[in-house]
Protein backbone atom coordinates (compact mmCIF):
# COMPACT_ATOMS: atom_id res chain seq x y z
CA MET A 1 73.48 91.97 139.81
CA LYS A 2 72.27 95.42 139.05
CA ILE A 3 74.84 97.56 137.25
CA GLU A 4 74.31 101.29 136.48
CA VAL A 5 76.68 102.53 133.65
CA VAL A 6 77.12 106.45 133.70
CA GLY A 7 78.14 107.59 130.21
CA GLY A 8 77.21 106.23 126.83
CA GLY A 9 80.50 106.58 124.96
CA PRO A 10 82.49 103.60 123.53
CA ALA A 11 83.78 102.53 127.00
CA GLY A 12 80.37 102.51 128.64
CA LEU A 13 78.52 100.88 125.76
CA TRP A 14 81.09 98.21 125.08
CA PHE A 15 81.27 97.18 128.73
CA ALA A 16 77.50 97.11 128.94
CA PHE A 17 77.29 94.90 125.78
CA LEU A 18 80.07 92.62 126.89
CA LEU A 19 78.76 92.03 130.42
CA LYS A 20 75.10 91.59 129.41
CA ARG A 21 76.16 88.90 126.80
CA ARG A 22 78.09 87.03 129.51
CA ARG A 23 75.38 87.54 132.18
CA PRO A 24 72.06 87.87 130.58
CA SER A 25 70.17 87.67 133.93
CA TRP A 26 72.00 90.77 135.29
CA ALA A 27 70.31 94.19 134.86
CA VAL A 28 72.53 96.58 133.02
CA ARG A 29 71.47 100.11 132.32
CA VAL A 30 73.35 103.05 130.57
CA HIS A 31 72.69 106.64 131.38
CA GLU A 32 73.79 109.15 128.67
CA GLN A 33 73.38 112.77 129.07
CA ASN A 34 73.14 113.65 125.34
CA PRO A 35 70.68 112.51 122.64
CA ALA A 36 71.43 109.26 120.84
CA THR A 37 72.40 111.21 117.69
CA ALA A 38 74.78 113.65 119.34
CA THR A 39 78.52 113.28 119.63
CA TYR A 40 81.63 115.58 119.96
CA GLY A 41 84.37 115.52 117.25
CA PHE A 42 84.43 113.51 114.11
CA GLY A 43 86.26 110.24 113.56
CA VAL A 44 88.21 107.97 115.89
CA VAL A 45 91.17 105.84 115.00
CA LEU A 46 92.60 102.47 116.10
CA SER A 47 96.02 101.00 115.24
CA ASP A 48 96.00 97.60 113.62
CA ALA A 49 97.36 95.97 116.85
CA GLY A 50 94.84 97.85 119.03
CA ARG A 51 92.05 96.96 116.68
CA GLU A 52 92.83 93.25 117.00
CA ARG A 53 92.94 93.46 120.79
CA VAL A 54 89.59 95.20 120.91
CA ARG A 55 88.16 92.53 118.36
CA SER A 56 89.20 89.58 120.50
CA ALA A 57 86.67 90.45 123.19
CA ALA A 58 83.73 89.76 120.70
CA PRO A 59 84.95 89.00 117.10
CA ALA A 60 81.49 88.79 115.47
CA ALA A 61 80.25 91.97 117.16
CA PHE A 62 83.34 93.79 116.40
CA ASP A 63 83.14 92.77 112.75
CA ARG A 64 79.81 94.72 112.46
CA ILE A 65 81.83 97.89 113.52
CA ALA A 66 84.77 96.95 111.22
CA ARG A 67 82.53 96.79 108.14
CA ARG A 68 82.02 100.63 108.50
CA MET A 69 85.76 101.35 108.96
CA GLU A 70 88.33 102.97 106.58
CA ARG A 71 91.74 101.20 106.67
CA TRP A 72 95.26 101.94 105.34
CA PRO A 73 98.67 100.24 105.80
CA ASP A 74 101.00 103.21 106.51
CA LEU A 75 101.57 106.37 108.44
CA THR A 76 102.73 109.54 106.60
CA ILE A 77 104.76 112.37 107.97
CA SER A 78 104.79 115.54 105.85
CA HIS A 79 107.45 118.12 106.57
CA ARG A 80 108.73 120.93 104.37
CA GLY A 81 106.25 119.74 101.59
CA GLU A 82 107.76 116.37 101.42
CA ALA A 83 105.69 113.19 102.36
CA VAL A 84 107.63 110.58 104.16
CA PRO A 85 105.76 107.29 104.30
CA VAL A 86 106.37 104.91 107.46
CA ASP A 87 105.40 101.34 106.69
CA GLY A 88 104.29 98.97 109.44
CA ASN A 89 101.91 101.41 110.99
CA GLY A 90 98.44 100.33 109.90
CA PHE A 91 95.32 102.05 111.20
CA SER A 92 91.56 102.01 110.94
CA SER A 93 89.11 104.71 111.62
CA ILE A 94 85.34 105.20 111.88
CA ASP A 95 82.93 107.98 112.23
CA ARG A 96 82.35 108.42 116.03
CA LEU A 97 78.60 108.64 115.65
CA GLU A 98 78.52 105.58 113.41
CA LEU A 99 80.59 103.66 116.04
CA LEU A 100 78.07 104.71 118.79
CA ARG A 101 75.03 103.71 116.62
CA THR A 102 76.51 100.23 116.11
CA LEU A 103 77.12 99.86 119.84
CA HIS A 104 73.59 101.05 120.55
CA GLY A 105 72.27 98.29 118.31
CA LEU A 106 74.50 95.60 120.06
CA CYS A 107 73.52 96.64 123.43
CA ARG A 108 69.76 96.59 122.59
CA GLU A 109 70.12 93.10 121.05
CA ALA A 110 71.77 91.96 124.26
CA GLY A 111 69.13 93.49 126.50
CA VAL A 112 70.89 96.39 127.88
CA SER A 113 68.59 99.31 128.90
CA LEU A 114 69.75 102.60 127.29
CA ARG A 115 68.65 106.00 128.54
CA PHE A 116 69.47 109.12 126.49
CA ASP A 117 69.00 112.78 127.38
CA ALA A 118 69.41 111.42 130.92
CA PRO A 119 72.29 113.24 132.89
CA VAL A 120 72.96 111.73 136.21
CA GLU A 121 72.34 114.75 138.63
CA SER A 122 73.00 112.69 141.82
CA LEU A 123 75.44 109.90 142.13
CA ALA A 124 73.98 109.01 145.40
CA GLU A 125 70.59 108.31 143.88
CA VAL A 126 72.08 105.90 141.24
CA ARG A 127 74.24 104.10 143.85
CA ALA A 128 71.41 103.67 146.28
CA ASP A 129 69.72 100.88 144.26
CA ALA A 130 72.87 99.50 142.35
CA ASP A 131 75.40 96.71 143.12
CA LEU A 132 77.85 98.58 141.00
CA VAL A 133 78.22 102.02 139.33
CA VAL A 134 80.52 102.27 136.41
CA GLY A 135 81.83 105.84 135.67
CA ALA A 136 82.44 105.87 131.96
CA ASP A 137 81.44 109.57 131.45
CA GLY A 138 84.71 110.89 130.00
CA ILE A 139 87.21 113.46 130.84
CA ASN A 140 84.77 115.72 132.61
CA SER A 141 83.32 112.84 134.54
CA ARG A 142 80.66 113.70 137.10
CA VAL A 143 81.21 110.35 138.90
CA ARG A 144 84.78 111.14 139.44
CA THR A 145 84.05 114.74 140.58
CA ALA A 146 81.40 113.54 142.92
CA LEU A 147 84.07 111.25 144.69
CA GLU A 148 87.12 113.34 144.01
CA ALA A 149 88.52 112.86 147.53
CA GLU A 150 88.27 109.12 147.07
CA PHE A 151 89.55 108.81 143.56
CA ARG A 152 92.33 111.48 144.00
CA PRO A 153 92.69 112.58 140.37
CA ARG A 154 95.62 114.66 139.18
CA THR A 155 95.39 116.81 136.10
CA GLU A 156 98.00 118.79 134.24
CA LEU A 157 97.08 121.02 131.35
CA LEU A 158 99.57 120.86 128.53
CA GLY A 159 100.93 124.15 126.91
CA ASN A 160 99.90 123.35 123.30
CA ARG A 161 96.61 124.47 121.88
CA TYR A 162 94.48 122.28 119.51
CA ALA A 163 91.22 122.44 117.71
CA TRP A 164 89.44 119.32 116.42
CA TYR A 165 87.90 119.99 112.96
CA GLY A 166 86.53 117.88 110.19
CA THR A 167 86.95 118.26 106.41
CA ARG A 168 85.62 116.80 103.15
CA GLN A 169 89.11 116.45 101.92
CA VAL A 170 90.12 112.72 102.12
CA PHE A 171 93.46 111.36 102.76
CA ASP A 172 95.19 108.18 101.83
CA THR A 173 96.70 107.50 105.20
CA LEU A 174 96.86 108.87 108.78
CA THR A 175 99.07 111.86 108.18
CA LEU A 176 100.98 114.33 110.41
CA THR A 177 101.42 117.48 108.33
CA PHE A 178 103.81 120.19 109.71
CA ARG A 179 103.67 123.73 108.33
CA SER A 180 105.28 127.02 109.38
CA ASN A 181 104.34 130.67 108.69
CA PRO A 182 105.63 133.97 110.27
CA ASP A 183 103.61 133.36 113.39
CA GLY A 184 105.23 129.98 114.17
CA ALA A 185 104.83 126.12 113.64
CA PHE A 186 101.62 124.15 113.28
CA VAL A 187 100.82 120.40 112.89
CA ALA A 188 97.63 118.90 111.60
CA HIS A 189 96.82 115.29 112.52
CA HIS A 190 94.51 114.13 109.75
CA TYR A 191 92.92 110.89 108.50
CA ARG A 192 89.78 109.84 106.62
CA TYR A 193 87.16 108.19 108.71
CA ALA A 194 84.53 107.76 106.03
CA PRO A 195 84.71 107.59 102.21
CA ALA A 196 84.08 111.36 102.01
CA MET A 197 85.05 112.84 105.42
CA SER A 198 88.29 113.24 107.41
CA THR A 199 89.32 114.39 110.93
CA PHE A 200 91.63 117.33 110.90
CA ILE A 201 93.07 118.30 114.35
CA VAL A 202 95.15 121.50 114.36
CA GLU A 203 97.83 121.91 117.00
CA CYS A 204 100.46 124.71 117.87
CA ASP A 205 102.42 125.88 120.87
CA ALA A 206 101.10 128.67 123.18
CA ALA A 207 103.48 131.37 121.59
CA THR A 208 102.30 130.60 118.09
CA TRP A 209 98.67 130.53 119.17
CA GLU A 210 99.01 134.10 120.59
CA ARG A 211 101.02 135.57 117.79
CA SER A 212 98.56 134.25 115.37
CA GLY A 213 95.64 136.09 116.92
CA LEU A 214 93.83 132.80 117.71
CA GLY A 215 94.36 133.43 121.36
CA SER A 216 92.78 136.97 121.23
CA GLY A 217 89.15 135.91 121.10
CA ALA A 218 89.10 134.88 117.51
CA GLY A 219 85.62 133.33 116.78
CA ASP A 220 85.01 129.99 115.08
CA ALA A 221 84.84 131.39 111.62
CA ALA A 222 88.10 133.36 111.95
CA SER A 223 89.91 130.47 113.36
CA ARG A 224 88.80 128.29 110.63
CA ARG A 225 89.90 130.67 107.90
CA TYR A 226 93.28 131.05 109.62
CA CYS A 227 93.86 127.28 109.71
CA GLU A 228 92.57 126.76 106.22
CA ALA A 229 95.14 129.34 105.03
CA VAL A 230 97.98 127.54 107.01
CA PHE A 231 97.08 124.18 105.46
CA ALA A 232 95.80 125.29 102.09
CA PRO A 233 98.23 123.10 100.23
CA ASP A 234 96.78 120.04 102.01
CA LEU A 235 92.89 120.81 102.11
CA GLY A 236 92.62 120.97 98.35
CA GLY A 237 90.29 123.84 98.45
CA HIS A 238 87.89 122.11 101.04
CA PRO A 239 86.93 124.15 104.10
CA LEU A 240 87.29 123.01 107.68
CA ILE A 241 84.07 121.89 109.55
CA SER A 242 83.38 122.65 113.12
CA ASN A 243 81.64 120.62 115.78
CA ARG A 244 82.25 122.44 119.11
CA SER A 245 85.80 122.95 117.69
CA GLU A 246 87.04 125.22 120.38
CA TRP A 247 90.91 125.78 121.05
CA ARG A 248 91.73 123.62 124.02
CA ARG A 249 94.67 122.53 126.20
CA PHE A 250 94.91 118.78 126.51
CA PRO A 251 94.39 117.65 130.20
CA VAL A 252 96.75 114.93 131.23
CA LEU A 253 94.59 113.09 133.85
CA ALA A 254 95.33 110.16 136.13
CA CYS A 255 93.55 108.85 139.16
CA GLU A 256 95.48 107.49 142.13
CA ARG A 257 92.57 105.17 143.02
CA TRP A 258 90.38 103.41 140.38
CA ARG A 259 87.59 102.23 142.68
CA HIS A 260 85.70 103.16 145.85
CA GLU A 261 83.17 100.87 147.45
CA ASN A 262 80.65 100.09 144.64
CA VAL A 263 81.98 102.66 142.16
CA VAL A 264 84.60 102.17 139.47
CA LEU A 265 86.06 104.31 136.58
CA ILE A 266 86.98 103.31 133.17
CA GLY A 267 88.21 105.10 130.00
CA ASP A 268 88.76 108.87 129.97
CA ALA A 269 86.95 109.34 133.36
CA LEU A 270 89.97 107.27 134.87
CA ARG A 271 92.90 108.67 132.82
CA SER A 272 93.36 110.55 129.59
CA VAL A 273 95.59 109.34 126.79
CA HIS A 274 97.06 112.00 124.39
CA PHE A 275 95.44 111.89 120.88
CA SER A 276 98.88 111.66 119.34
CA ILE A 277 99.19 108.00 120.01
CA GLY A 278 95.67 107.20 118.74
CA SER A 279 94.90 104.88 121.60
CA GLY A 280 92.11 106.62 123.68
CA THR A 281 89.22 104.65 122.23
CA ARG A 282 91.13 101.48 122.24
CA LEU A 283 92.16 101.72 125.83
CA ALA A 284 88.73 102.59 126.88
CA MET A 285 87.19 99.58 125.19
CA GLU A 286 89.91 97.44 126.56
CA ASP A 287 89.04 98.75 130.08
CA ALA A 288 85.40 97.72 129.34
CA HIS A 289 86.52 94.21 128.34
CA ALA A 290 88.74 93.74 131.39
CA LEU A 291 86.02 94.88 133.72
CA ALA A 292 83.32 92.68 132.15
CA CYS A 293 85.59 89.62 132.38
CA ALA A 294 86.53 90.48 136.07
CA LEU A 295 82.99 90.85 137.14
CA ASP A 296 81.88 87.65 135.23
CA GLU A 297 84.76 85.66 136.88
CA SER A 298 83.82 87.01 140.36
CA GLY A 299 80.31 85.54 139.98
CA GLY A 300 78.53 88.69 141.20
CA ARG A 301 80.89 89.68 144.04
CA ALA A 302 81.41 93.20 142.99
CA ALA A 303 84.40 93.95 145.31
CA ASP A 304 86.26 90.87 144.09
CA GLY A 305 85.57 91.77 140.55
CA LEU A 306 86.87 95.38 140.90
CA GLU A 307 89.98 93.98 142.62
CA ARG A 308 90.53 91.52 139.70
CA PHE A 309 89.97 94.37 137.14
CA GLU A 310 92.54 96.77 138.59
CA ALA A 311 95.24 93.96 139.13
CA ALA A 312 94.89 93.05 135.45
CA ARG A 313 94.69 96.53 133.97
CA ARG A 314 96.90 98.91 135.90
CA PRO A 315 100.28 97.54 134.83
CA VAL A 316 99.10 97.72 131.22
CA VAL A 317 97.63 101.23 131.52
CA ASP A 318 100.74 102.48 133.42
CA LYS A 319 103.05 101.32 130.71
CA LEU A 320 101.03 102.89 127.86
CA LEU A 321 100.66 106.18 129.71
CA ALA A 322 104.59 106.34 130.03
CA GLY A 323 104.77 106.09 126.34
CA ALA A 324 102.02 108.72 125.82
CA ALA A 325 104.04 111.07 127.97
CA GLY A 326 106.97 110.69 125.64
CA SER A 327 104.62 111.40 122.62
CA TRP A 328 102.98 114.59 124.00
CA SER A 329 106.32 115.93 125.33
CA TRP A 330 107.57 115.69 121.75
CA TYR A 331 104.70 117.68 120.45
CA GLU A 332 105.19 120.26 123.09
CA ARG A 333 108.61 120.96 121.60
CA PHE A 334 108.15 120.12 118.05
CA ALA A 335 108.65 123.73 116.79
CA GLY A 336 112.38 123.41 117.82
CA ARG A 337 112.81 120.57 115.44
CA MET A 338 111.34 122.17 112.30
CA HIS A 339 114.91 122.79 111.05
CA LEU A 340 115.49 119.08 110.50
CA THR A 341 115.37 117.52 106.96
CA PRO A 342 112.15 115.62 106.36
CA HIS A 343 113.67 112.20 106.90
CA GLU A 344 115.47 113.16 110.04
CA PHE A 345 112.42 114.84 111.25
CA ALA A 346 110.34 111.67 110.75
CA TYR A 347 113.06 109.59 112.38
CA ASP A 348 112.91 111.90 115.43
CA TYR A 349 109.21 111.57 115.69
CA MET A 350 109.20 107.67 115.35
CA THR A 351 111.74 107.45 118.17
CA ARG A 352 110.12 110.20 120.36
CA SER A 353 109.18 107.81 123.22
CA GLY A 354 112.75 106.88 123.93
CA ARG A 355 111.82 103.29 123.87
CA VAL A 356 112.11 102.40 120.27
CA SER A 357 115.64 101.37 119.14
CA ASP A 358 116.89 101.45 115.54
CA ASP A 359 116.75 97.64 115.46
CA ARG A 360 113.18 97.67 116.54
CA LEU A 361 112.25 100.38 114.03
CA ARG A 362 114.00 98.38 111.27
CA ALA A 363 111.85 95.34 112.24
CA ILE A 364 108.60 97.40 112.21
CA ALA A 365 109.32 99.72 109.27
CA PRO A 366 112.12 98.40 107.10
CA ARG A 367 111.31 100.47 104.07
CA PHE A 368 111.24 103.68 106.06
CA MET A 369 114.59 102.91 107.72
CA ARG A 370 116.21 102.25 104.31
CA ARG A 371 115.04 105.61 103.19
CA VAL A 372 116.48 107.15 106.26
CA SER A 373 119.82 105.47 105.71
CA THR A 374 119.87 106.64 102.07
CA ALA A 375 118.93 110.19 103.05
CA ARG A 376 121.86 110.28 105.63
CA LYS A 377 124.27 108.95 103.02
CA GLU A 378 123.17 111.52 100.44
CA ALA A 379 123.51 114.36 103.00
CA SER A 380 127.05 113.25 104.03
CA THR A 381 128.32 113.50 100.43
CA ARG A 382 127.01 117.03 99.77
């Protein structure tokens, strides 16, 4: 088989590596529009459970990635200046560029052809000489756009605004810090992804964004200064660092169809997963694994492989997207919850999907639930 992969992010690279390792005689080529040393954003994060699912595809290869990861056992929710730890929620993170470099090395060793600075201008040209084209080119996928009528994507822009920054302030855990000022309510999603660097995503609702002046054409420097002031107690005097850190609205994307003839989508090209559940990279790499397995099992029959892939993955993805909807819906309305006490606020957050019962939360995070129970008893006696 000859497989052309459009997009050199985690999904495309992991797929190319896994398939080439299983089928060394097949020709696998990756087209990436950016240079090998370029990326958008800062760190990416994986939950412990997600990390193990990705690792299962190729343990020795993934361990090369894991050696460069930061790890911590808990989540922290900070509200009204009080940090509330939530046990049972371990995570790992890595510099996105470091992840890509490691995947580049794995692909080269497996015999994958990598082309950088190579945007695909015409999908027809790529398809003409390929048994299969894999669209792994992200949320702004050219592959999906070229076959929009066939894939039938639906996109909803959320109301909240967010900007993805970095900082040299390091944090002990993945932390959600909620702050208010006269303009409104803000949340920062932050975690370290290297010994001396952290991701710092700032989010607020549309009304707050407008009142703050951030929606009035504030430039990058003014936006950073404003956010540094809001989160001054958390940044420890460190500035925020930009990398195309524009204010955006998150696009909730889903495609009705996953495949068309000899073209298939994976990762963010197929559907988006809100950053609040930290599963975008994991889902993309799981897509890659499932597609590589399906094609291998099909023995080179592309149509059969794509049918196997969708049958295996769609139920899993649909379930996770339903949970993601509960999460982003909570963030769209978090300003109305800022009156809650720190522990009640954290409890409300942990049960935001509507699918986590108290019994399940006690099993996952027993120390956290004991603190919630104690806080409630203390409040009832006041």
